[in-house]
Protein backbone atom coordinates (compact mmCIF):
# COMPACT_ATOMS: atom_id res chain seq x y z
CA MET A 1 -21.27 -9.88 -11.72
CA ASN A 2 -20.47 -10.44 -8.17
CA MET A 3 -17.21 -12.68 -7.31
CA PRO A 4 -17.67 -15.42 -4.94
CA ALA A 5 -15.45 -15.09 -2.01
CA SER A 6 -12.50 -17.34 -2.28
CA PRO A 7 -11.79 -20.09 0.76
CA ASN A 8 -7.95 -19.68 -0.13
CA ALA A 9 -7.55 -16.28 -0.80
CA ALA A 10 -5.17 -14.07 1.54
CA GLY A 11 -6.85 -12.09 4.09
CA PRO A 12 -8.12 -8.88 3.99
CA ARG A 13 -5.61 -6.12 2.93
CA SER A 14 -6.07 -2.90 1.15
CA ILE A 15 -4.63 -2.37 -2.28
CA LYS A 16 -2.01 -0.23 -0.79
CA ASP A 17 -0.51 -2.78 1.07
CA ASP A 18 0.28 -4.78 -1.83
CA PHE A 19 1.72 -1.79 -3.78
CA ALA A 20 3.78 -1.33 -0.58
CA ALA A 21 5.24 -5.08 -1.05
CA ILE A 22 5.87 -4.33 -4.66
CA HIS A 23 7.92 -1.18 -3.28
CA ASP A 24 9.56 -3.33 -0.87
CA THR A 25 10.83 -6.01 -3.74
CA TYR A 26 11.33 -3.68 -6.16
CA GLY A 27 12.67 -0.54 -4.74
CA SER A 28 16.15 -0.08 -4.92
CA GLY A 29 16.80 2.88 -2.85
CA ILE A 30 18.89 4.04 -6.06
CA ASN A 31 17.64 7.72 -7.01
CA ASP A 32 19.56 7.70 -10.31
CA PRO A 33 21.07 4.10 -11.88
CA HIS A 34 21.86 5.77 -14.88
CA ALA A 35 25.27 6.97 -13.28
CA ILE A 36 25.79 3.56 -12.55
CA TYR A 37 24.82 2.55 -16.18
CA ARG A 38 27.41 5.22 -17.83
CA GLU A 39 30.16 3.79 -15.82
CA MET A 40 29.36 0.41 -16.55
CA ARG A 41 29.49 1.01 -20.18
CA ARG A 42 32.70 2.91 -19.82
CA SER A 43 34.83 0.29 -17.13
CA ALA A 44 32.71 -3.09 -18.09
CA PRO A 45 30.11 -3.05 -20.95
CA VAL A 46 29.87 -7.11 -20.12
CA MET A 47 30.06 -7.88 -16.63
CA GLU A 48 29.97 -11.36 -14.97
CA GLY A 49 27.17 -11.05 -12.32
CA ASP A 50 23.29 -9.61 -12.11
CA ILE A 51 23.34 -5.90 -11.93
CA LEU A 52 19.83 -6.32 -10.14
CA ALA A 53 21.51 -7.67 -7.62
CA ARG A 54 23.26 -3.83 -6.97
CA PHE A 55 19.77 -2.98 -6.66
CA ASN A 56 18.82 -5.33 -4.17
CA VAL A 57 16.15 -6.38 -6.77
CA PRO A 58 15.19 -10.43 -7.99
CA SER A 59 17.15 -11.51 -10.45
CA GLN A 60 15.26 -12.31 -13.60
CA ALA A 61 17.95 -14.81 -15.12
CA ASN A 62 18.43 -16.80 -11.79
CA ASN A 63 15.04 -16.84 -9.88
CA ALA A 64 15.58 -20.67 -8.77
CA GLY A 65 18.88 -19.61 -7.27
CA SER A 66 21.02 -21.95 -9.31
CA SER A 67 24.52 -21.95 -10.12
CA ARG A 68 24.14 -20.67 -13.30
CA ARG A 69 26.46 -17.94 -14.24
CA ILE A 70 24.95 -14.78 -15.33
CA PHE A 71 26.20 -12.25 -17.74
CA THR A 72 24.93 -8.09 -18.00
CA LEU A 73 25.42 -6.14 -20.82
CA PHE A 74 25.04 -2.59 -20.93
CA LYS A 75 25.70 -0.93 -24.58
CA TYR A 76 23.28 -1.12 -27.05
CA GLU A 77 24.67 -2.86 -29.57
CA ASP A 78 25.58 -5.92 -27.51
CA VAL A 79 21.99 -5.99 -26.29
CA MET A 80 20.42 -5.86 -29.52
CA ALA A 81 22.88 -8.11 -31.15
CA VAL A 82 21.59 -10.58 -28.30
CA LEU A 83 17.98 -10.17 -28.78
CA ARG A 84 18.35 -10.16 -32.38
CA ASP A 85 20.14 -13.86 -32.17
CA ALA A 86 17.56 -16.14 -31.23
CA LYS A 87 19.53 -19.44 -31.99
CA THR A 88 22.54 -18.89 -29.85
CA TYR A 89 20.68 -16.38 -26.92
CA THR A 90 16.89 -17.05 -25.58
CA SER A 91 14.39 -15.31 -23.42
CA SER A 92 13.10 -18.27 -21.91
CA LEU A 93 14.73 -17.84 -18.58
CA LEU A 94 11.82 -15.06 -17.91
CA GLY A 95 9.43 -18.16 -17.83
CA GLU A 96 11.37 -19.09 -14.63
CA GLY A 97 10.46 -16.32 -13.06
CA ILE A 98 7.09 -14.34 -13.17
CA GLY A 99 6.10 -16.69 -16.07
CA GLN A 100 5.95 -19.58 -13.69
CA PHE A 101 2.80 -17.94 -12.51
CA LEU A 102 1.38 -17.18 -15.79
CA GLY A 103 0.97 -20.68 -16.88
CA GLY A 104 3.56 -20.37 -19.59
CA PHE A 105 2.32 -18.45 -21.93
CA MET A 106 4.21 -14.95 -21.87
CA LEU A 107 5.45 -13.63 -25.11
CA THR A 108 8.74 -12.18 -23.55
CA ALA A 109 10.07 -15.20 -22.63
CA MET A 110 9.28 -16.60 -26.34
CA ASP A 111 11.72 -17.00 -29.00
CA GLY A 112 11.74 -16.88 -32.76
CA ASP A 113 9.02 -18.49 -34.69
CA GLU A 114 7.01 -18.95 -31.23
CA HIS A 115 7.28 -15.39 -30.39
CA ARG A 116 6.39 -14.10 -33.87
CA LEU A 117 3.52 -16.02 -34.02
CA ALA A 118 2.09 -15.41 -30.73
CA ARG A 119 3.04 -11.29 -31.27
CA ALA A 120 1.04 -11.70 -34.47
CA LEU A 121 -1.90 -12.98 -32.81
CA LEU A 122 -1.90 -10.07 -30.03
CA THR A 123 -1.11 -7.25 -32.32
CA PRO A 124 -4.56 -6.59 -34.01
CA ALA A 125 -6.06 -6.30 -30.88
CA PHE A 126 -3.74 -3.50 -29.68
CA SER A 127 -3.54 -2.00 -33.31
CA SER A 128 -4.11 1.86 -33.73
CA VAL A 129 -7.69 0.96 -34.69
CA ALA A 130 -8.46 -0.60 -31.56
CA VAL A 131 -6.68 1.62 -28.84
CA THR A 132 -8.41 4.39 -30.72
CA LYS A 133 -11.84 2.99 -29.62
CA TRP A 134 -10.66 2.39 -26.38
CA ARG A 135 -10.80 6.75 -26.02
CA ASP A 136 -14.56 6.43 -25.50
CA MET A 137 -14.09 3.77 -22.56
CA VAL A 138 -11.45 5.52 -20.58
CA LEU A 139 -12.15 8.96 -20.92
CA PRO A 140 -15.56 9.18 -18.85
CA VAL A 141 -13.46 7.00 -16.35
CA ILE A 142 -10.86 9.78 -15.75
CA ARG A 143 -13.43 12.32 -15.90
CA ASP A 144 -16.06 10.66 -13.74
CA GLU A 145 -13.93 8.89 -11.14
CA CYS A 146 -10.96 10.67 -11.02
CA ILE A 147 -10.54 14.43 -11.75
CA GLY A 148 -14.36 14.97 -10.91
CA PRO A 149 -14.01 13.94 -6.99
CA LEU A 150 -10.72 15.88 -7.14
CA THR A 151 -12.54 18.90 -8.11
CA THR A 152 -14.90 19.28 -5.18
CA SER A 153 -12.14 18.13 -2.52
CA LYS A 154 -9.76 20.79 -3.57
CA ARG A 155 -6.81 18.70 -2.58
CA CYS A 156 -5.52 15.23 -2.63
CA ASP A 157 -2.88 12.65 -2.02
CA LEU A 158 -1.54 12.21 -5.66
CA VAL A 159 0.12 8.72 -5.53
CA ALA A 160 -3.09 7.06 -3.52
CA ASP A 161 -5.58 9.14 -5.49
CA VAL A 162 -4.42 9.07 -8.67
CA LEU A 163 -1.17 7.36 -9.53
CA LEU A 164 -1.90 4.02 -8.33
CA PRO A 165 -5.78 3.37 -8.81
CA LEU A 166 -6.15 5.38 -11.89
CA PRO A 167 -3.78 3.07 -14.28
CA ILE A 168 -5.49 -0.12 -12.61
CA ARG A 169 -9.00 1.72 -13.51
CA LEU A 170 -8.10 2.07 -16.94
CA ILE A 171 -6.28 -1.35 -17.63
CA TYR A 172 -9.25 -3.09 -16.07
CA GLU A 173 -11.76 -1.25 -18.07
CA ILE A 174 -10.12 -2.18 -21.30
CA ILE A 175 -10.11 -5.94 -20.33
CA GLY A 176 -13.61 -5.75 -19.98
CA PHE A 177 -14.36 -6.13 -16.07
CA SER A 178 -17.57 -4.79 -14.78
CA PRO A 179 -16.97 -1.18 -12.84
CA ASP A 180 -17.41 -2.42 -9.30
CA ARG A 181 -14.63 -1.13 -7.35
CA ALA A 182 -14.27 -3.89 -5.02
CA GLN A 183 -13.39 -6.15 -7.82
CA ILE A 184 -11.29 -4.34 -9.22
CA GLU A 185 -9.13 -3.86 -6.26
CA GLN A 186 -9.21 -7.40 -5.81
CA PHE A 187 -8.09 -7.99 -9.10
CA ALA A 188 -5.28 -5.83 -8.82
CA ALA A 189 -4.14 -7.29 -5.37
CA TRP A 190 -3.77 -10.59 -6.69
CA GLY A 191 -1.57 -9.04 -9.67
CA MET A 192 0.54 -7.58 -7.14
CA ARG A 193 0.92 -10.40 -5.25
CA ILE A 194 1.74 -12.47 -8.52
CA LEU A 195 4.66 -9.90 -9.29
CA VAL A 196 5.94 -9.94 -5.51
CA GLY A 197 6.65 -14.07 -6.18
CA PRO A 198 10.47 -13.87 -7.09
CA GLN A 199 12.10 -12.76 -3.73
CA ARG A 200 15.55 -12.43 -3.21
CA ASP A 201 15.52 -13.31 0.57
CA PRO A 202 15.20 -16.84 1.38
CA ASP A 203 13.02 -16.18 4.53
CA LYS A 204 10.87 -14.57 2.36
CA MET A 205 10.99 -16.81 -0.92
CA GLN A 206 8.75 -19.63 0.00
CA ALA A 207 5.75 -17.94 1.37
CA ALA A 208 6.12 -15.14 -1.47
CA LEU A 209 5.65 -18.14 -4.13
CA LYS A 210 2.97 -19.66 -2.21
CA ALA A 211 1.23 -16.68 -2.01
CA ALA A 212 1.71 -16.08 -5.87
CA PHE A 213 0.47 -19.11 -6.78
CA GLN A 214 -2.62 -18.63 -5.06
CA ALA A 215 -3.28 -15.51 -6.39
CA SER A 216 -2.73 -16.73 -9.97
CA GLN A 217 -5.12 -19.52 -9.32
CA ASP A 218 -7.74 -17.02 -7.38
CA ILE A 219 -8.05 -15.05 -10.93
CA TYR A 220 -8.20 -17.84 -12.58
CA ASP A 221 -11.27 -18.84 -10.72
CA HIS A 222 -12.51 -15.74 -10.74
CA VAL A 223 -11.96 -14.60 -14.65
CA LEU A 224 -13.09 -17.94 -15.91
CA PRO A 225 -16.77 -17.28 -15.31
CA ILE A 226 -16.64 -13.74 -15.86
CA VAL A 227 -15.38 -14.36 -19.48
CA ARG A 228 -18.03 -17.43 -20.13
CA ASN A 229 -20.72 -15.01 -19.17
CA LYS A 230 -19.86 -12.55 -21.31
CA ARG A 231 -18.77 -14.36 -24.17
CA ALA A 232 -22.27 -16.26 -23.85
CA LYS A 233 -24.04 -12.90 -24.14
CA GLY A 234 -22.60 -12.15 -27.10
CA ALA A 235 -19.45 -10.18 -26.22
CA ALA A 236 -20.43 -6.89 -28.32
CA GLY A 237 -17.97 -4.76 -27.60
CA ASP A 238 -13.99 -3.01 -28.03
CA ASP A 239 -12.49 -4.24 -24.43
CA LEU A 240 -10.20 -7.18 -24.96
CA MET A 241 -12.72 -9.91 -23.50
CA SER A 242 -14.82 -9.21 -26.48
CA TYR A 243 -12.37 -9.28 -29.08
CA PRO A 244 -12.51 -12.21 -31.48
CA TRP A 245 -9.46 -13.91 -30.88
CA ASP A 246 -10.65 -17.13 -32.46
CA SER A 247 -11.32 -15.54 -35.61
CA ALA A 248 -7.44 -14.24 -35.85
CA GLU A 249 -5.89 -15.22 -39.51
CA ILE A 250 -2.32 -15.76 -39.00
CA ASP A 251 0.20 -16.71 -41.22
CA GLY A 252 2.25 -19.56 -40.41
CA GLY A 253 -0.54 -21.59 -38.56
CA GLY A 254 -0.51 -18.87 -35.25
CA TRP A 255 -3.65 -20.84 -33.15
CA LYS A 256 -2.76 -23.95 -34.41
CA PHE A 257 0.87 -23.39 -32.96
CA VAL A 258 -0.32 -21.62 -29.95
CA ALA A 259 -3.07 -24.27 -28.92
CA GLN A 260 -0.53 -27.39 -29.73
CA HIS A 261 2.08 -25.70 -27.47
CA HIS A 262 0.40 -23.95 -25.12
CA LEU A 263 -3.48 -24.32 -24.28
CA ALA A 264 -3.54 -28.17 -24.89
CA PRO A 265 -0.63 -28.86 -22.23
CA ASN A 266 -2.23 -25.83 -19.66
CA LYS A 267 -5.58 -26.19 -18.16
CA ARG A 268 -5.52 -22.81 -17.04
CA ILE A 269 -5.07 -21.06 -19.80
CA ALA A 270 -7.21 -23.05 -22.48
CA PRO A 271 -10.63 -22.04 -20.89
CA LEU A 272 -9.97 -18.83 -21.10
CA CYS A 273 -8.86 -18.52 -24.35
């Protein structure tokens, strides 16, 4: 299925340009963070402040730049105690960062029963049985599209020819997109523009936020007809678009809960599900 051009999409860019933007945003320049973590575990296991600031990486706890106090934990026992205490602590802060571009349905930004029910809905689609079926989908891609061309060229740029395009290609094969290279690179570019939406530099923040929200809308506009077309044809396959999400039986009313709290108020997610 061909993708129509989006009148609001960003201008022509290569996937390498968007990957470079991710590196600029999240590349800290620190080659070995473990030494820093060891020292913090020894001297300040509970630190007031965001450790990401030391790496010059956008905060995941204070994306809006408010006066909120932030603490960073370094010891395993302390981190696990926080993660297991949903009554005292919340993961919802993650929804203020990347989550704002995803329509609010972000598993890692959920707590308690909400997280349990959403996870239970998603788990069957990623079970060992389901993942095993993906082998027949991904092995031809690795053999024919990645390894094959390398055997004839006898040389490659490991990042440009393998480490960047191959994971993206496999992810989109598993999701269920057609093997159209231009489409895959466009979807990947939109995804990477969402990832660089949060910024530490105030001068870059507004432009990055605008581009991220536009990329999110572009993904929705282009994926919706693909999903509808696939479902209309019977959606027979082992990819994620073909998975019978609406037939999942979850104790505790999982689908009802998700429909009430995420699908009904969110026009972006509902049609896709």
